[in-house]
PDB file of all heavy atoms in Angstrom:
ATOM      1  N   PHE A   1      41.542 114.651  -0.475  1.00  0.00           N
ATOM      2  CA  PHE A   1      42.605 114.223   0.469  1.00  0.00           C
ATOM      3  C   PHE A   1      43.972 114.555  -0.123  1.00  0.00           C
ATOM      4  O   PHE A   1      44.078 115.073  -1.254  1.00  0.00           O
ATOM      5  CB  PHE A   1      42.444 112.730   0.795  1.00  0.00           C
ATOM      6  CG  PHE A   1      42.458 111.794  -0.331  1.00  0.00           C
ATOM      7  CD1 PHE A   1      43.656 111.204  -0.790  1.00  0.00           C
ATOM      8  CD2 PHE A   1      41.268 111.438  -1.006  1.00  0.00           C
ATOM      9  CE1 PHE A   1      43.657 110.298  -1.857  1.00  0.00           C
ATOM     10  CE2 PHE A   1      41.279 110.549  -2.059  1.00  0.00           C
ATOM     11  CZ  PHE A   1      42.459 109.981  -2.486  1.00  0.00           C
ATOM     12  N   GLU A   2      44.991 114.295   0.634  1.00  0.00           N
ATOM     13  CA  GLU A   2      46.362 114.697   0.261  1.00  0.00           C
ATOM     14  C   GLU A   2      46.720 114.201  -1.136  1.00  0.00           C
ATOM     15  O   GLU A   2      46.435 113.075  -1.520  1.00  0.00           O
ATOM     16  CB  GLU A   2      47.341 114.152   1.277  1.00  0.00           C
ATOM     17  CG  GLU A   2      48.759 114.730   1.131  1.00  0.00           C
ATOM     18  CD  GLU A   2      49.692 114.309   2.227  1.00  0.00           C
ATOM     19  OE1 GLU A   2      49.215 113.708   3.200  1.00  0.00           O
ATOM     20  OE2 GLU A   2      50.901 114.573   2.117  1.00  0.00           O
ATOM     21  N   GLY A   3      47.323 115.132  -1.877  1.00  0.00           N
ATOM     22  CA  GLY A   3      47.717 114.790  -3.228  1.00  0.00           C
ATOM     23  C   GLY A   3      46.678 115.080  -4.262  1.00  0.00           C
ATOM     24  O   GLY A   3      46.814 114.801  -5.443  1.00  0.00           O
ATOM     25  N   GLY A   4      45.559 115.690  -3.824  1.00  0.00           N
ATOM     26  CA  GLY A   4      44.491 116.074  -4.774  1.00  0.00           C
ATOM     27  C   GLY A   4      43.512 114.992  -5.024  1.00  0.00           C
ATOM     28  O   GLY A   4      42.666 115.137  -5.966  1.00  0.00           O
ATOM     29  N   GLY A   5      43.542 113.874  -4.310  1.00  0.00           N
ATOM     30  CA  GLY A   5      42.570 112.853  -4.520  1.00  0.00           C
ATOM     31  C   GLY A   5      41.151 113.300  -4.210  1.00  0.00           C
ATOM     32  O   GLY A   5      40.941 114.102  -3.282  1.00  0.00           O
ATOM     33  N   LEU A   6      40.175 112.796  -4.892  1.00  0.00           N
ATOM     34  CA  LEU A   6      38.798 113.222  -4.765  1.00  0.00           C
ATOM     35  C   LEU A   6      38.098 112.504  -3.621  1.00  0.00           C
ATOM     36  O   LEU A   6      37.980 111.268  -3.635  1.00  0.00           O
ATOM     37  CB  LEU A   6      38.053 113.029  -6.072  1.00  0.00           C
ATOM     38  CG  LEU A   6      36.604 113.544  -6.059  1.00  0.00           C
ATOM     39  CD1 LEU A   6      36.604 115.067  -6.080  1.00  0.00           C
ATOM     40  CD2 LEU A   6      35.834 113.033  -7.278  1.00  0.00           C
ATOM     41  N   LEU A   7      37.556 113.258  -2.645  1.00  0.00           N
ATOM     42  CA  LEU A   7      36.710 112.691  -1.599  1.00  0.00           C
ATOM     43  C   LEU A   7      35.239 112.880  -1.923  1.00  0.00           C
ATOM     44  O   LEU A   7      34.400 112.030  -1.571  1.00  0.00           O
ATOM     45  CB  LEU A   7      37.015 113.319  -0.248  1.00  0.00           C
ATOM     46  CG  LEU A   7      38.060 112.683   0.628  1.00  0.00           C
ATOM     47  CD1 LEU A   7      38.173 113.397   1.969  1.00  0.00           C
ATOM     48  CD2 LEU A   7      37.775 111.227   0.827  1.00  0.00           C
ATOM     49  N   ALA A   8      34.886 113.974  -2.602  1.00  0.00           N
ATOM     50  CA  ALA A   8      33.507 114.192  -2.947  1.00  0.00           C
ATOM     51  C   ALA A   8      33.441 115.291  -4.027  1.00  0.00           C
ATOM     52  O   ALA A   8      34.216 116.244  -4.002  1.00  0.00           O
ATOM     53  CB  ALA A   8      32.639 114.586  -1.749  1.00  0.00           C
ATOM     54  N   GLY A   9      32.493 115.155  -4.928  1.00  0.00           N
ATOM     55  CA  GLY A   9      32.249 116.171  -5.931  1.00  0.00           C
ATOM     56  C   GLY A   9      30.963 115.922  -6.659  1.00  0.00           C
ATOM     57  O   GLY A   9      30.401 114.807  -6.650  1.00  0.00           O
ATOM     58  N   VAL A  10      30.486 116.955  -7.316  1.00  0.00           N
ATOM     59  CA  VAL A  10      29.228 116.835  -8.082  1.00  0.00           C
ATOM     60  C   VAL A  10      29.529 117.314  -9.511  1.00  0.00           C
ATOM     61  O   VAL A  10      30.247 118.309  -9.742  1.00  0.00           O
ATOM     62  CB  VAL A  10      28.099 117.697  -7.450  1.00  0.00           C
ATOM     63  CG1 VAL A  10      28.433 119.149  -7.355  1.00  0.00           C
ATOM     64  CG2 VAL A  10      26.784 117.437  -8.149  1.00  0.00           C
ATOM     65  N   ARG A  11      28.979 116.577 -10.484  1.00  0.00           N
ATOM     66  CA  ARG A  11      29.264 116.909 -11.875  1.00  0.00           C
ATOM     67  C   ARG A  11      28.053 116.567 -12.757  1.00  0.00           C
ATOM     68  O   ARG A  11      27.190 115.807 -12.349  1.00  0.00           O
ATOM     69  CB  ARG A  11      30.479 116.093 -12.396  1.00  0.00           C
ATOM     70  CG  ARG A  11      30.226 114.562 -12.434  1.00  0.00           C
ATOM     71  CD  ARG A  11      31.520 113.811 -12.680  1.00  0.00           C
ATOM     72  NE  ARG A  11      32.013 113.999 -14.011  1.00  0.00           N
ATOM     73  CZ  ARG A  11      31.824 113.139 -15.038  1.00  0.00           C
ATOM     74  NH1 ARG A  11      31.089 112.038 -14.817  1.00  0.00           N
ATOM     75  NH2 ARG A  11      32.364 113.351 -16.204  1.00  0.00           N
ATOM     76  N   THR A  12      28.055 117.172 -13.911  1.00  0.00           N
ATOM     77  CA  THR A  12      27.016 116.923 -14.918  1.00  0.00           C
ATOM     78  C   THR A  12      27.505 115.873 -15.884  1.00  0.00           C
ATOM     79  O   THR A  12      28.685 115.858 -16.316  1.00  0.00           O
ATOM     80  CB  THR A  12      26.673 118.175 -15.685  1.00  0.00           C
ATOM     81  OG1 THR A  12      26.189 119.191 -14.780  1.00  0.00           O
ATOM     82  CG2 THR A  12      25.633 117.954 -16.776  1.00  0.00           C
ATOM     83  N   LEU A  13      26.619 114.901 -16.245  1.00  0.00           N
ATOM     84  CA  LEU A  13      26.927 113.897 -17.223  1.00  0.00           C
ATOM     85  C   LEU A  13      25.713 113.759 -18.114  1.00  0.00           C
ATOM     86  O   LEU A  13      24.636 113.336 -17.635  1.00  0.00           O
ATOM     87  CB  LEU A  13      27.228 112.561 -16.543  1.00  0.00           C
ATOM     88  CG  LEU A  13      27.613 111.414 -17.484  1.00  0.00           C
ATOM     89  CD1 LEU A  13      28.941 111.697 -18.223  1.00  0.00           C
ATOM     90  CD2 LEU A  13      27.748 110.091 -16.734  1.00  0.00           C
ATOM     91  N   GLY A  14      25.849 114.125 -19.369  1.00  0.00           N
ATOM     92  CA  GLY A  14      24.682 114.156 -20.228  1.00  0.00           C
ATOM     93  C   GLY A  14      23.662 115.178 -19.719  1.00  0.00           C
ATOM     94  O   GLY A  14      23.995 116.347 -19.456  1.00  0.00           O
ATOM     95  N   GLU A  15      22.431 114.713 -19.537  1.00  0.00           N
ATOM     96  CA  GLU A  15      21.354 115.562 -19.019  1.00  0.00           C
ATOM     97  C   GLU A  15      21.236 115.462 -17.520  1.00  0.00           C
ATOM     98  O   GLU A  15      20.400 116.154 -16.911  1.00  0.00           O
ATOM     99  CB  GLU A  15      20.042 115.221 -19.673  1.00  0.00           C
ATOM    100  CG  GLU A  15      20.037 115.396 -21.164  1.00  0.00           C
ATOM    101  CD  GLU A  15      20.243 116.817 -21.579  1.00  0.00           C
ATOM    102  OE1 GLU A  15      19.659 117.702 -20.947  1.00  0.00           O
ATOM    103  OE2 GLU A  15      21.033 117.064 -22.541  1.00  0.00           O
ATOM    104  N   GLY A  16      21.978 114.563 -16.857  1.00  0.00           N
ATOM    105  CA  GLY A  16      21.843 114.337 -15.453  1.00  0.00           C
ATOM    106  C   GLY A  16      23.030 114.812 -14.641  1.00  0.00           C
ATOM    107  O   GLY A  16      23.953 115.452 -15.142  1.00  0.00           O
ATOM    108  N   LYS A  17      22.985 114.511 -13.354  1.00  0.00           N
ATOM    109  CA  LYS A  17      24.054 114.874 -12.439  1.00  0.00           C
ATOM    110  C   LYS A  17      24.427 113.718 -11.517  1.00  0.00           C
ATOM    111  O   LYS A  17      23.568 112.906 -11.187  1.00  0.00           O
ATOM    112  CB  LYS A  17      23.632 116.064 -11.548  1.00  0.00           C
ATOM    113  CG  LYS A  17      23.551 117.389 -12.260  1.00  0.00           C
ATOM    114  CD  LYS A  17      23.283 118.555 -11.310  1.00  0.00           C
ATOM    115  CE  LYS A  17      23.255 119.878 -12.041  1.00  0.00           C
ATOM    116  NZ  LYS A  17      22.941 120.986 -11.096  1.00  0.00           N
ATOM    117  N   VAL A  18      25.694 113.702 -11.131  1.00  0.00           N
ATOM    118  CA  VAL A  18      26.213 112.659 -10.215  1.00  0.00           C
ATOM    119  C   VAL A  18      26.952 113.338  -9.073  1.00  0.00           C
ATOM    120  O   VAL A  18      27.825 114.140  -9.283  1.00  0.00           O
ATOM    121  CB  VAL A  18      27.206 111.736 -10.958  1.00  0.00           C
ATOM    122  CG1 VAL A  18      27.711 110.633  -9.950  1.00  0.00           C
ATOM    123  CG2 VAL A  18      26.535 111.061 -12.133  1.00  0.00           C
ATOM    124  N   LEU A  19      26.520 112.988  -7.856  1.00  0.00           N
ATOM    125  CA  LEU A  19      27.274 113.341  -6.643  1.00  0.00           C
ATOM    126  C   LEU A  19      28.035 112.077  -6.229  1.00  0.00           C
ATOM    127  O   LEU A  19      27.427 111.081  -5.852  1.00  0.00           O
ATOM    128  CB  LEU A  19      26.344 113.767  -5.537  1.00  0.00           C
ATOM    129  CG  LEU A  19      26.956 113.972  -4.141  1.00  0.00           C
ATOM    130  CD1 LEU A  19      27.995 115.078  -4.157  1.00  0.00           C
ATOM    131  CD2 LEU A  19      25.913 114.217  -3.104  1.00  0.00           C
ATOM    132  N   PHE A  20      29.358 112.121  -6.318  1.00  0.00           N
ATOM    133  CA  PHE A  20      30.217 110.999  -5.967  1.00  0.00           C
ATOM    134  C   PHE A  20      30.814 111.321  -4.618  1.00  0.00           C
ATOM    135  O   PHE A  20      31.425 112.346  -4.375  1.00  0.00           O
ATOM    136  CB  PHE A  20      31.295 110.781  -6.983  1.00  0.00           C
ATOM    137  CG  PHE A  20      32.316 109.688  -6.571  1.00  0.00           C
ATOM    138  CD1 PHE A  20      31.882 108.435  -6.279  1.00  0.00           C
ATOM    139  CD2 PHE A  20      33.665 109.983  -6.530  1.00  0.00           C
ATOM    140  CE1 PHE A  20      32.791 107.433  -5.899  1.00  0.00           C
ATOM    141  CE2 PHE A  20      34.570 109.028  -6.175  1.00  0.00           C
ATOM    142  CZ  PHE A  20      34.123 107.744  -5.849  1.00  0.00           C
ATOM    143  N   VAL A  21      30.642 110.382  -3.625  1.00  0.00           N
ATOM    144  CA  VAL A  21      31.157 110.543  -2.272  1.00  0.00           C
ATOM    145  C   VAL A  21      32.051 109.399  -1.989  1.00  0.00           C
ATOM    146  O   VAL A  21      31.603 108.259  -1.839  1.00  0.00           O
ATOM    147  CB  VAL A  21      30.044 110.649  -1.233  1.00  0.00           C
ATOM    148  CG1 VAL A  21      30.645 110.936   0.146  1.00  0.00           C
ATOM    149  CG2 VAL A  21      29.045 111.747  -1.570  1.00  0.00           C
ATOM    150  N   ASN A  22      33.349 109.646  -1.919  1.00  0.00           N
ATOM    151  CA  ASN A  22      34.393 108.612  -1.719  1.00  0.00           C
ATOM    152  C   ASN A  22      34.603 108.415  -0.190  1.00  0.00           C
ATOM    153  O   ASN A  22      35.725 108.427   0.278  1.00  0.00           O
ATOM    154  CB  ASN A  22      35.649 109.010  -2.442  1.00  0.00           C
ATOM    155  CG  ASN A  22      36.750 107.993  -2.389  1.00  0.00           C
ATOM    156  OD1 ASN A  22      36.565 106.862  -2.018  1.00  0.00           O
ATOM    157  ND2 ASN A  22      37.920 108.392  -2.836  1.00  0.00           N
ATOM    158  N   LEU A  23      33.538 108.305   0.513  1.00  0.00           N
ATOM    159  CA  LEU A  23      33.571 108.018   1.956  1.00  0.00           C
ATOM    160  C   LEU A  23      32.529 106.929   2.258  1.00  0.00           C
ATOM    161  O   LEU A  23      31.424 106.958   1.710  1.00  0.00           O
ATOM    162  CB  LEU A  23      33.177 109.286   2.760  1.00  0.00           C
ATOM    163  CG  LEU A  23      34.089 110.466   2.761  1.00  0.00           C
ATOM    164  CD1 LEU A  23      33.383 111.691   3.328  1.00  0.00           C
ATOM    165  CD2 LEU A  23      35.361 110.178   3.589  1.00  0.00           C
ATOM    166  N   PRO A  24      32.863 105.991   3.141  1.00  0.00           N
ATOM    167  CA  PRO A  24      31.921 104.897   3.409  1.00  0.00           C
ATOM    168  C   PRO A  24      30.801 105.360   4.402  1.00  0.00           C
ATOM    169  O   PRO A  24      30.808 105.077   5.590  1.00  0.00           O
ATOM    170  CB  PRO A  24      32.810 103.834   4.059  1.00  0.00           C
ATOM    171  CG  PRO A  24      33.893 104.592   4.750  1.00  0.00           C
ATOM    172  CD  PRO A  24      34.146 105.811   3.862  1.00  0.00           C
ATOM    173  N   LEU A  25      29.859 106.128   3.888  1.00  0.00           N
ATOM    174  CA  LEU A  25      28.887 106.858   4.714  1.00  0.00           C
ATOM    175  C   LEU A  25      28.090 105.892   5.598  1.00  0.00           C
ATOM    176  O   LEU A  25      27.890 106.152   6.798  1.00  0.00           O
ATOM    177  CB  LEU A  25      27.973 107.697   3.846  1.00  0.00           C
ATOM    178  CG  LEU A  25      28.677 108.722   2.979  1.00  0.00           C
ATOM    179  CD1 LEU A  25      27.638 109.499   2.171  1.00  0.00           C
ATOM    180  CD2 LEU A  25      29.478 109.706   3.855  1.00  0.00           C
ATOM    181  N   GLY A  26      27.579 104.804   4.998  1.00  0.00           N
ATOM    182  CA  GLY A  26      26.759 103.853   5.796  1.00  0.00           C
ATOM    183  C   GLY A  26      27.590 103.153   6.853  1.00  0.00           C
ATOM    184  O   GLY A  26      27.134 102.971   7.998  1.00  0.00           O
ATOM    185  N   TYR A  27      28.783 102.758   6.467  1.00  0.00           N
ATOM    186  CA  TYR A  27      29.665 102.077   7.381  1.00  0.00           C
ATOM    187  C   TYR A  27      29.984 102.985   8.598  1.00  0.00           C
ATOM    188  O   TYR A  27      29.955 102.560   9.764  1.00  0.00           O
ATOM    189  CB  TYR A  27      30.979 101.733   6.650  1.00  0.00           C
ATOM    190  CG  TYR A  27      32.107 101.197   7.524  1.00  0.00           C
ATOM    191  CD1 TYR A  27      32.233  99.822   7.758  1.00  0.00           C
ATOM    192  CD2 TYR A  27      33.044 102.067   8.068  1.00  0.00           C
ATOM    193  CE1 TYR A  27      33.266  99.375   8.538  1.00  0.00           C
ATOM    194  CE2 TYR A  27      34.086 101.612   8.876  1.00  0.00           C
ATOM    195  CZ  TYR A  27      34.203 100.239   9.099  1.00  0.00           C
ATOM    196  OH  TYR A  27      35.232  99.770   9.903  1.00  0.00           O
TER     197      TYR A  27
END
């Protein structure tokens, strides 16, 4: 979103991965 804020991204942490979604998907 505006200003470079993160709405969604996927990254590696250790041996695993995290998909972070900054949207209220269920809502």
